[in-house]
């Protein structure tokens, strides 16, 4: 596999590629990378408490009123 600028692989003790480092200055606008990072964020938050849209709208309305 040829090297790509801004992409670095780190191998484990058995020589298998284990980690990928991505230079976001070079590849941060790449839609696939953005989607991948979004999926990681979704996975990390999957057990977080949720609220209804009505509750969220009420919260936002109260915050906006407080900042006026």
PDB file of N, CA and C in Angstrom:
ATOM      1  N   UNK A   1       0.847  -1.180   0.000  1.00  0.00           N
ATOM      2  CA  UNK A   1       0.000   0.000   0.000  1.00  0.00           C
ATOM      3  C   UNK A   1       0.892   1.243   0.000  1.00  0.00           C
ATOM      4  N   UNK A   2       0.611   2.161  -0.887  1.00  0.00           N
ATOM      5  CA  UNK A   2       1.420   3.376  -0.960  1.00  0.00           C
ATOM      6  C   UNK A   2       1.035   4.336   0.161  1.00  0.00           C
ATOM      7  N   UNK A   3       1.976   5.183   0.535  1.00  0.00           N
ATOM      8  CA  UNK A   3       1.721   6.154   1.594  1.00  0.00           C
ATOM      9  C   UNK A   3       0.922   7.328   1.053  1.00  0.00           C
ATOM     10  N   UNK A   4       0.071   7.867   1.907  1.00  0.00           N
ATOM     11  CA  UNK A   4      -0.735   9.036   1.569  1.00  0.00           C
ATOM     12  C   UNK A   4      -0.297  10.162   2.507  1.00  0.00           C
ATOM     13  N   UNK A   5      -0.070  11.337   1.944  1.00  0.00           N
ATOM     14  CA  UNK A   5       0.350  12.475   2.759  1.00  0.00           C
ATOM     15  C   UNK A   5      -0.684  12.729   3.856  1.00  0.00           C
ATOM     16  N   UNK A   6      -0.208  12.883   5.086  1.00  0.00           N
ATOM     17  CA  UNK A   6      -1.084  13.195   6.200  1.00  0.00           C
ATOM     18  C   UNK A   6      -1.754  11.986   6.830  1.00  0.00           C
ATOM     19  N   UNK A   7      -1.432  10.772   6.374  1.00  0.00           N
ATOM     20  CA  UNK A   7      -1.984   9.545   6.939  1.00  0.00           C
ATOM     21  C   UNK A   7      -0.820   8.695   7.443  1.00  0.00           C
ATOM     22  N   UNK A   8      -0.840   8.355   8.718  1.00  0.00           N
ATOM     23  CA  UNK A   8       0.219   7.543   9.307  1.00  0.00           C
ATOM     24  C   UNK A   8      -0.403   6.331   9.990  1.00  0.00           C
ATOM     25  N   UNK A   9       0.170   5.165   9.750  1.00  0.00           N
ATOM     26  CA  UNK A   9      -0.271   3.935  10.386  1.00  0.00           C
ATOM     27  C   UNK A   9       0.710   3.561  11.485  1.00  0.00           C
ATOM     28  N   UNK A  10       0.198   3.054  12.591  1.00  0.00           N
ATOM     29  CA  UNK A  10       1.021   2.521  13.657  1.00  0.00           C
ATOM     30  C   UNK A  10       0.691   1.040  13.780  1.00  0.00           C
ATOM     31  N   UNK A  11       1.742   0.239  13.855  1.00  0.00           N
ATOM     32  CA  UNK A  11       1.547  -1.209  13.909  1.00  0.00           C
ATOM     33  C   UNK A  11       1.690  -1.717  15.342  1.00  0.00           C
ATOM     34  N   UNK A  12       1.043  -2.847  15.610  1.00  0.00           N
ATOM     35  CA  UNK A  12       1.183  -3.474  16.925  1.00  0.00           C
ATOM     36  C   UNK A  12       2.445  -4.323  16.948  1.00  0.00           C
ATOM     37  N   UNK A  13       2.671  -5.024  18.051  1.00  0.00           N
ATOM     38  CA  UNK A  13       3.914  -5.791  18.197  1.00  0.00           C
ATOM     39  C   UNK A  13       4.007  -6.944  17.205  1.00  0.00           C
ATOM     40  N   UNK A  14       2.876  -7.329  16.604  1.00  0.00           N
ATOM     41  CA  UNK A  14       2.879  -8.399  15.602  1.00  0.00           C
ATOM     42  C   UNK A  14       3.007  -7.867  14.177  1.00  0.00           C
ATOM     43  N   UNK A  15       3.154  -6.544  14.048  1.00  0.00           N
ATOM     44  CA  UNK A  15       3.328  -5.947  12.735  1.00  0.00           C
ATOM     45  C   UNK A  15       2.031  -5.649  11.993  1.00  0.00           C
ATOM     46  N   UNK A  16       0.900  -5.830  12.668  1.00  0.00           N
ATOM     47  CA  UNK A  16      -0.387  -5.521  12.029  1.00  0.00           C
ATOM     48  C   UNK A  16      -0.721  -4.045  12.223  1.00  0.00           C
ATOM     49  N   UNK A  17      -1.274  -3.450  11.174  1.00  0.00           N
ATOM     50  CA  UNK A  17      -1.710  -2.059  11.299  1.00  0.00           C
ATOM     51  C   UNK A  17      -2.807  -1.998  12.351  1.00  0.00           C
ATOM     52  N   UNK A  18      -2.619  -1.118  13.335  1.00  0.00           N
ATOM     53  CA  UNK A  18      -3.538  -1.072  14.465  1.00  0.00           C
ATOM     54  C   UNK A  18      -4.183   0.308  14.631  1.00  0.00           C
ATOM     55  N   UNK A  19      -3.441   1.364  14.344  1.00  0.00           N
ATOM     56  CA  UNK A  19      -3.927   2.730  14.542  1.00  0.00           C
ATOM     57  C   UNK A  19      -3.683   3.550  13.280  1.00  0.00           C
ATOM     58  N   UNK A  20      -4.532   4.543  13.102  1.00  0.00           N
ATOM     59  CA  UNK A  20      -4.369   5.469  11.985  1.00  0.00           C
ATOM     60  C   UNK A  20      -4.367   6.881  12.551  1.00  0.00           C
ATOM     61  N   UNK A  21      -3.389   7.670  12.145  1.00  0.00           N
ATOM     62  CA  UNK A  21      -3.335   9.083  12.504  1.00  0.00           C
ATOM     63  C   UNK A  21      -3.613   9.874  11.244  1.00  0.00           C
ATOM     64  N   UNK A  22      -4.585  10.790  11.328  1.00  0.00           N
ATOM     65  CA  UNK A  22      -4.989  11.582  10.171  1.00  0.00           C
ATOM     66  C   UNK A  22      -4.716  13.047  10.462  1.00  0.00           C
ATOM     67  N   UNK A  23      -3.970  13.689   9.597  1.00  0.00           N
ATOM     68  CA  UNK A  23      -3.709  15.122   9.719  1.00  0.00           C
ATOM     69  C   UNK A  23      -4.970  15.852   9.258  1.00  0.00           C
ATOM     70  N   UNK A  24      -5.709  16.409  10.211  1.00  0.00           N
ATOM     71  CA  UNK A  24      -6.973  17.067   9.881  1.00  0.00           C
ATOM     72  C   UNK A  24      -6.768  18.378   9.134  1.00  0.00           C
ATOM     73  N   UNK A  25      -5.570  18.956   9.230  1.00  0.00           N
ATOM     74  CA  UNK A  25      -5.298  20.143   8.415  1.00  0.00           C
ATOM     75  C   UNK A  25      -5.311  19.782   6.937  1.00  0.00           C
ATOM     76  N   UNK A  26      -4.876  18.571   6.613  1.00  0.00           N
ATOM     77  CA  UNK A  26      -4.870  18.130   5.217  1.00  0.00           C
ATOM     78  C   UNK A  26      -6.175  17.465   4.806  1.00  0.00           C
ATOM     79  N   UNK A  27      -6.797  16.711   5.721  1.00  0.00           N
ATOM     80  CA  UNK A  27      -7.935  15.879   5.351  1.00  0.00           C
ATOM     81  C   UNK A  27      -9.204  16.199   6.132  1.00  0.00           C
ATOM     82  N   UNK A  28      -9.214  17.264   6.897  1.00  0.00           N
ATOM     83  CA  UNK A  28     -10.353  17.587   7.751  1.00  0.00           C
ATOM     84  C   UNK A  28     -11.621  17.936   7.009  1.00  0.00           C
ATOM     85  N   UNK A  29     -11.509  18.334   5.755  1.00  0.00           N
ATOM     86  CA  UNK A  29     -12.686  18.679   4.959  1.00  0.00           C
ATOM     87  C   UNK A  29     -13.196  17.497   4.146  1.00  0.00           C
ATOM     88  N   UNK A  30     -12.622  16.327   4.349  1.00  0.00           N
ATOM     89  CA  UNK A  30     -13.005  15.125   3.631  1.00  0.00           C
ATOM     90  C   UNK A  30     -14.312  14.595   4.224  1.00  0.00           C
ATOM     91  N   UNK A  31     -15.343  14.441   3.406  1.00  0.00           N
ATOM     92  CA  UNK A  31     -16.660  14.034   3.896  1.00  0.00           C
ATOM     93  C   UNK A  31     -16.630  12.657   4.558  1.00  0.00           C
ATOM     94  N   UNK A  32     -15.849  11.734   4.039  1.00  0.00           N
ATOM     95  CA  UNK A  32     -15.774  10.405   4.644  1.00  0.00           C
ATOM     96  C   UNK A  32     -15.185  10.462   6.048  1.00  0.00           C
ATOM     97  N   UNK A  33     -14.156  11.280   6.233  1.00  0.00           N
ATOM     98  CA  UNK A  33     -13.553  11.412   7.562  1.00  0.00           C
ATOM     99  C   UNK A  33     -14.532  12.097   8.507  1.00  0.00           C
ATOM    100  N   UNK A  34     -15.220  13.129   8.032  1.00  0.00           N
ATOM    101  CA  UNK A  34     -16.223  13.798   8.868  1.00  0.00           C
ATOM    102  C   UNK A  34     -17.316  12.819   9.278  1.00  0.00           C
ATOM    103  N   UNK A  35     -17.785  11.993   8.349  1.00  0.00           N
ATOM    104  CA  UNK A  35     -18.818  11.001   8.662  1.00  0.00           C
ATOM    105  C   UNK A  35     -18.310   9.988   9.682  1.00  0.00           C
ATOM    106  N   UNK A  36     -17.074   9.527   9.515  1.00  0.00           N
ATOM    107  CA  UNK A  36     -16.482   8.579  10.451  1.00  0.00           C
ATOM    108  C   UNK A  36     -16.409   9.176  11.856  1.00  0.00           C
ATOM    109  N   UNK A  37     -15.935  10.415  11.966  1.00  0.00           N
ATOM    110  CA  UNK A  37     -15.848  11.064  13.270  1.00  0.00           C
ATOM    111  C   UNK A  37     -17.223  11.274  13.880  1.00  0.00           C
ATOM    112  N   UNK A  38     -18.217  11.605  13.046  1.00  0.00           N
ATOM    113  CA  UNK A  38     -19.597  11.726  13.534  1.00  0.00           C
ATOM    114  C   UNK A  38     -20.092  10.401  14.106  1.00  0.00           C
ATOM    115  N   UNK A  39     -19.795   9.306  13.410  1.00  0.00           N
ATOM    116  CA  UNK A  39     -20.217   7.986  13.894  1.00  0.00           C
ATOM    117  C   UNK A  39     -19.551   7.636  15.224  1.00  0.00           C
ATOM    118  N   UNK A  40     -18.286   8.008  15.389  1.00  0.00           N
ATOM    119  CA  UNK A  40     -17.616   7.781  16.665  1.00  0.00           C
ATOM    120  C   UNK A  40     -18.301   8.566  17.783  1.00  0.00           C
ATOM    121  N   UNK A  41     -18.677   9.798  17.493  1.00  0.00           N
ATOM    122  CA  UNK A  41     -19.367  10.635  18.487  1.00  0.00           C
ATOM    123  C   UNK A  41     -20.725  10.047  18.838  1.00  0.00           C
ATOM    124  N   UNK A  42     -21.451   9.580  17.845  1.00  0.00           N
ATOM    125  CA  UNK A  42     -22.757   8.945  18.082  1.00  0.00           C
ATOM    126  C   UNK A  42     -22.589   7.729  18.981  1.00  0.00           C
ATOM    127  N   UNK A  43     -21.614   6.893  18.668  1.00  0.00           N
ATOM    128  CA  UNK A  43     -21.366   5.688  19.463  1.00  0.00           C
ATOM    129  C   UNK A  43     -21.026   6.044  20.910  1.00  0.00           C
ATOM    130  N   UNK A  44     -20.222   7.080  21.098  1.00  0.00           N
ATOM    131  CA  UNK A  44     -19.819   7.488  22.439  1.00  0.00           C
ATOM    132  C   UNK A  44     -20.996   8.007  23.255  1.00  0.00           C
ATOM    133  N   UNK A  45     -22.021   8.539  22.588  1.00  0.00           N
ATOM    134  CA  UNK A  45     -23.156   9.145  23.290  1.00  0.00           C
ATOM    135  C   UNK A  45     -24.407   8.278  23.303  1.00  0.00           C
ATOM    136  N   UNK A  46     -24.311   7.040  22.833  1.00  0.00           N
ATOM    137  CA  UNK A  46     -25.508   6.225  22.652  1.00  0.00           C
ATOM    138  C   UNK A  46     -26.263   5.946  23.946  1.00  0.00           C
ATOM    139  N   UNK A  47     -25.599   5.973  25.077  1.00  0.00           N
ATOM    140  CA  UNK A  47     -26.260   5.703  26.354  1.00  0.00           C
ATOM    141  C   UNK A  47     -26.598   6.973  27.130  1.00  0.00           C
ATOM    142  N   UNK A  48     -26.370   8.136  26.528  1.00  0.00           N
ATOM    143  CA  UNK A  48     -26.686   9.396  27.197  1.00  0.00           C
ATOM    144  C   UNK A  48     -28.196   9.543  27.354  1.00  0.00           C
ATOM    145  N   UNK A  49     -28.554  10.308  28.350  1.00  0.00           N
ATOM    146  CA  UNK A  49     -29.968  10.608  28.581  1.00  0.00           C
ATOM    147  C   UNK A  49     -30.501  11.443  27.408  1.00  0.00           C
ATOM    148  N   UNK A  50     -31.724  11.195  27.029  1.00  0.00           N
ATOM    149  CA  UNK A  50     -32.340  11.960  25.947  1.00  0.00           C
ATOM    150  C   UNK A  50     -33.515  12.777  26.483  1.00  0.00           C
ATOM    151  N   UNK A  51     -33.890  13.814  25.728  1.00  0.00           N
ATOM    152  CA  UNK A  51     -35.071  14.608  26.068  1.00  0.00           C
ATOM    153  C   UNK A  51     -35.923  14.741  24.809  1.00  0.00           C
ATOM    154  N   UNK A  52     -37.185  15.078  25.011  1.00  0.00           N
ATOM    155  CA  UNK A  52     -38.077  15.241  23.868  1.00  0.00           C
ATOM    156  C   UNK A  52     -37.784  16.556  23.153  1.00  0.00           C
ATOM    157  N   UNK A  53     -38.262  16.661  21.929  1.00  0.00           N
ATOM    158  CA  UNK A  53     -38.096  17.896  21.174  1.00  0.00           C
ATOM    159  C   UNK A  53     -38.792  19.050  21.885  1.00  0.00           C
ATOM    160  N   UNK A  54     -39.955  18.806  22.459  1.00  0.00           N
ATOM    161  CA  UNK A  54     -40.665  19.865  23.197  1.00  0.00           C
ATOM    162  C   UNK A  54     -39.840  20.358  24.384  1.00  0.00           C
ATOM    163  N   UNK A  55     -39.230  19.434  25.113  1.00  0.00           N
ATOM    164  CA  UNK A  55     -38.375  19.828  26.235  1.00  0.00           C
ATOM    165  C   UNK A  55     -37.179  20.644  25.763  1.00  0.00           C
ATOM    166  N   UNK A  56     -36.587  20.220  24.660  1.00  0.00           N
ATOM    167  CA  UNK A  56     -35.445  20.941  24.101  1.00  0.00           C
ATOM    168  C   UNK A  56     -35.843  22.349  23.677  1.00  0.00           C
ATOM    169  N   UNK A  57     -36.966  22.469  22.975  1.00  0.00           N
ATOM    170  CA  UNK A  57     -37.429  23.784  22.527  1.00  0.00           C
ATOM    171  C   UNK A  57     -37.706  24.702  23.705  1.00  0.00           C
ATOM    172  N   UNK A  58     -38.307  24.164  24.761  1.00  0.00           N
ATOM    173  CA  UNK A  58     -38.574  24.958  25.959  1.00  0.00           C
ATOM    174  C   UNK A  58     -37.251  25.432  26.576  1.00  0.00           C
ATOM    175  N   UNK A  59     -36.275  24.541  26.655  1.00  0.00           N
ATOM    176  CA  UNK A  59     -34.956  24.884  27.199  1.00  0.00           C
ATOM    177  C   UNK A  59     -34.312  26.007  26.384  1.00  0.00           C
ATOM    178  N   UNK A  60     -34.364  25.889  25.064  1.00  0.00           N
ATOM    179  CA  UNK A  60     -33.764  26.906  24.188  1.00  0.00           C
ATOM    180  C   UNK A  60     -34.488  28.235  24.349  1.00  0.00           C
ATOM    181  N   UNK A  61     -35.803  28.204  24.374  1.00  0.00           N
ATOM    182  CA  UNK A  61     -36.579  29.437  24.558  1.00  0.00           C
ATOM    183  C   UNK A  61     -36.201  30.133  25.865  1.00  0.00           C
ATOM    184  N   UNK A  62     -36.059  29.360  26.932  1.00  0.00           N
ATOM    185  CA  UNK A  62     -35.687  29.940  28.227  1.00  0.00           C
ATOM    186  C   UNK A  62     -34.278  30.526  28.189  1.00  0.00           C
ATOM    187  N   UNK A  63     -33.351  29.833  27.516  1.00  0.00           N
ATOM    188  CA  UNK A  63     -31.990  30.340  27.414  1.00  0.00           C
ATOM    189  C   UNK A  63     -31.932  31.627  26.609  1.00  0.00           C
ATOM    190  N   UNK A  64     -32.705  31.689  25.527  1.00  0.00           N
ATOM    191  CA  UNK A  64     -32.716  32.894  24.699  1.00  0.00           C
ATOM    192  C   UNK A  64     -33.309  34.077  25.454  1.00  0.00           C
ATOM    193  N   UNK A  65     -34.353  33.849  26.223  1.00  0.00           N
ATOM    194  CA  UNK A  65     -34.963  34.911  27.018  1.00  0.00           C
ATOM    195  C   UNK A  65     -34.001  35.426  28.074  1.00  0.00           C
ATOM    196  N   UNK A  66     -33.217  34.516  28.661  1.00  0.00           N
ATOM    197  CA  UNK A  66     -32.276  34.884  29.709  1.00  0.00           C
ATOM    198  C   UNK A  66     -31.125  35.730  29.157  1.00  0.00           C
ATOM    199  N   UNK A  67     -30.820  35.594  27.875  1.00  0.00           N
ATOM    200  CA  UNK A  67     -29.703  36.314  27.268  1.00  0.00           C
ATOM    201  C   UNK A  67     -30.107  37.638  26.653  1.00  0.00           C
ATOM    202  N   UNK A  68     -31.350  38.006  26.761  1.00  0.00           N
ATOM    203  CA  UNK A  68     -31.802  39.269  26.159  1.00  0.00           C
ATOM    204  C   UNK A  68     -31.566  40.415  27.091  1.00  0.00           C
TER     205      UNK A  68
END
